[in-house]
Amino acid sequence: MPMYEEPVVGAFYEDEDDRTFEVVSFDENDGTIEIRYADSTSDEIDLDDWYGLDLERLESAEEEEEEEPEKPDGAGTPDDEDDLDEDDDDDDPDDEEE
């Protein structure tokens, strides 16, 4: 399927040959895109050619983390609850000495 989105600098894509690359720079004035493959080789793509390529944008690790639901503050910290219980014991009126 042809690529309909503009290239995003820093984004990773996979081409029809299953090669992964990162967009290193995008010069809108020149209409060129510099890419770097996983093996560190670089290439330049013309913007007109970009839209004809069969590419899939890959999610980065940061994007995947953003999609995971966040735990509410204090969730999964039983130590905090234990501390509260210890403090409550000091204020128990049944423990007062007469």
Protein backbone atom coordinates (compact mmCIF):
# COMPACT_ATOMS: atom_id res chain seq x y z
CA MET A 1 0.00 0.00 0.00
CA PRO A 2 1.44 3.41 -0.93
CA MET A 3 2.50 5.82 1.80
CA TYR A 4 0.05 8.71 2.17
CA GLU A 5 1.68 10.42 5.17
CA GLU A 6 4.57 12.86 5.07
CA PRO A 7 7.82 11.46 6.44
CA VAL A 8 8.33 12.06 10.16
CA VAL A 9 11.89 12.77 11.28
CA GLY A 10 12.88 10.25 13.96
CA ALA A 11 10.16 7.77 12.95
CA PHE A 12 10.94 4.20 11.87
CA TYR A 13 9.46 2.57 8.79
CA GLU A 14 9.59 -0.84 7.16
CA ASP A 15 9.77 -1.12 3.38
CA GLU A 16 8.41 -3.80 1.03
CA ASP A 17 11.68 -5.76 1.42
CA ASP A 18 11.21 -5.88 5.24
CA ARG A 19 14.12 -3.48 5.75
CA THR A 20 13.75 -1.10 8.68
CA PHE A 21 14.94 2.47 8.43
CA GLU A 22 14.72 5.75 10.32
CA VAL A 23 13.96 9.11 8.74
CA VAL A 24 17.00 11.22 9.62
CA SER A 25 16.01 14.45 7.88
CA PHE A 26 13.29 15.83 5.64
CA ASP A 27 14.01 18.88 3.47
CA GLU A 28 10.68 20.19 2.22
CA ASN A 29 12.36 22.84 0.04
CA ASP A 30 14.48 20.29 -1.86
CA GLY A 31 11.85 17.55 -1.60
CA THR A 32 14.35 15.04 -0.24
CA ILE A 33 14.28 12.61 2.66
CA GLU A 34 17.45 11.20 4.21
CA ILE A 35 17.04 7.76 5.74
CA ARG A 36 19.32 5.41 7.72
CA TYR A 37 18.89 1.65 7.64
CA ALA A 38 19.46 -0.60 10.65
CA ASP A 39 22.91 -1.54 9.26
CA SER A 40 23.87 2.19 9.40
CA THR A 41 23.84 2.70 5.62
CA SER A 42 22.19 5.92 4.46
CA ASP A 43 20.09 6.74 1.44
CA GLU A 44 18.16 9.67 0.04
CA ILE A 45 14.61 9.44 -1.28
CA ASP A 46 12.81 11.97 -3.44
CA LEU A 47 9.53 13.13 -1.86
CA ASP A 48 7.59 12.20 -4.99
CA ASP A 49 9.03 8.66 -4.77
CA TRP A 50 8.17 8.47 -1.05
CA TYR A 51 4.45 8.54 -1.76
CA GLY A 52 4.78 5.63 -4.19
CA LEU A 53 6.62 3.38 -1.72
CA ASP A 54 4.95 0.51 0.10
CA LEU A 55 5.89 1.48 3.66
CA GLU A 56 4.61 0.73 7.12
CA ARG A 57 5.33 3.10 9.98
CA LEU A 58 6.58 1.23 13.03
CA GLU A 59 5.82 2.25 16.59
CA SER A 60 8.78 3.27 18.67
CA ALA A 61 9.26 2.07 22.23
CA GLU A 62 8.16 5.47 23.49
CA GLU A 63 4.91 5.29 21.54
CA GLU A 64 4.20 1.82 22.87
CA GLU A 65 4.72 3.02 26.45
CA GLU A 66 2.30 5.91 25.89
CA GLU A 67 -0.41 3.45 24.86
CA GLU A 68 -0.11 1.38 28.04
CA PRO A 69 -2.58 2.44 30.73
CA GLU A 70 -0.96 4.21 33.63
CA LYS A 71 -1.46 2.97 37.18
CA PRO A 72 -2.99 5.44 39.64
CA ASP A 73 -0.60 7.05 42.10
CA GLY A 74 0.17 4.71 44.95
CA ALA A 75 -1.05 1.62 43.13
CA GLY A 76 1.06 -1.40 43.82
CA THR A 77 2.85 0.11 46.83
CA PRO A 78 1.74 -1.92 49.86
CA ASP A 79 4.61 -0.49 51.93
CA ASP A 80 2.85 2.87 52.01
CA GLU A 81 -0.29 1.25 53.40
CA ASP A 82 1.73 -0.49 56.13
CA ASP A 83 3.20 2.84 57.18
CA LEU A 84 -0.27 4.30 57.56
CA ASP A 85 -1.37 1.38 59.73
CA GLU A 86 1.59 1.84 62.07
CA ASP A 87 0.75 5.53 62.54
CA ASP A 88 -2.88 4.71 63.26
CA ASP A 89 -1.88 2.36 66.10
CA ASP A 90 -0.46 5.27 68.11
CA ASP A 91 -3.76 7.14 67.98
CA ASP A 92 -5.94 4.21 69.08
CA PRO A 93 -7.97 5.35 72.15
CA ASP A 94 -8.22 1.77 73.47
CA ASP A 95 -4.46 1.73 74.03
CA GLU A 96 -4.47 4.69 76.43
CA GLU A 97 -3.09 3.98 79.88
CA GLU A 98 -5.09 5.15 82.91
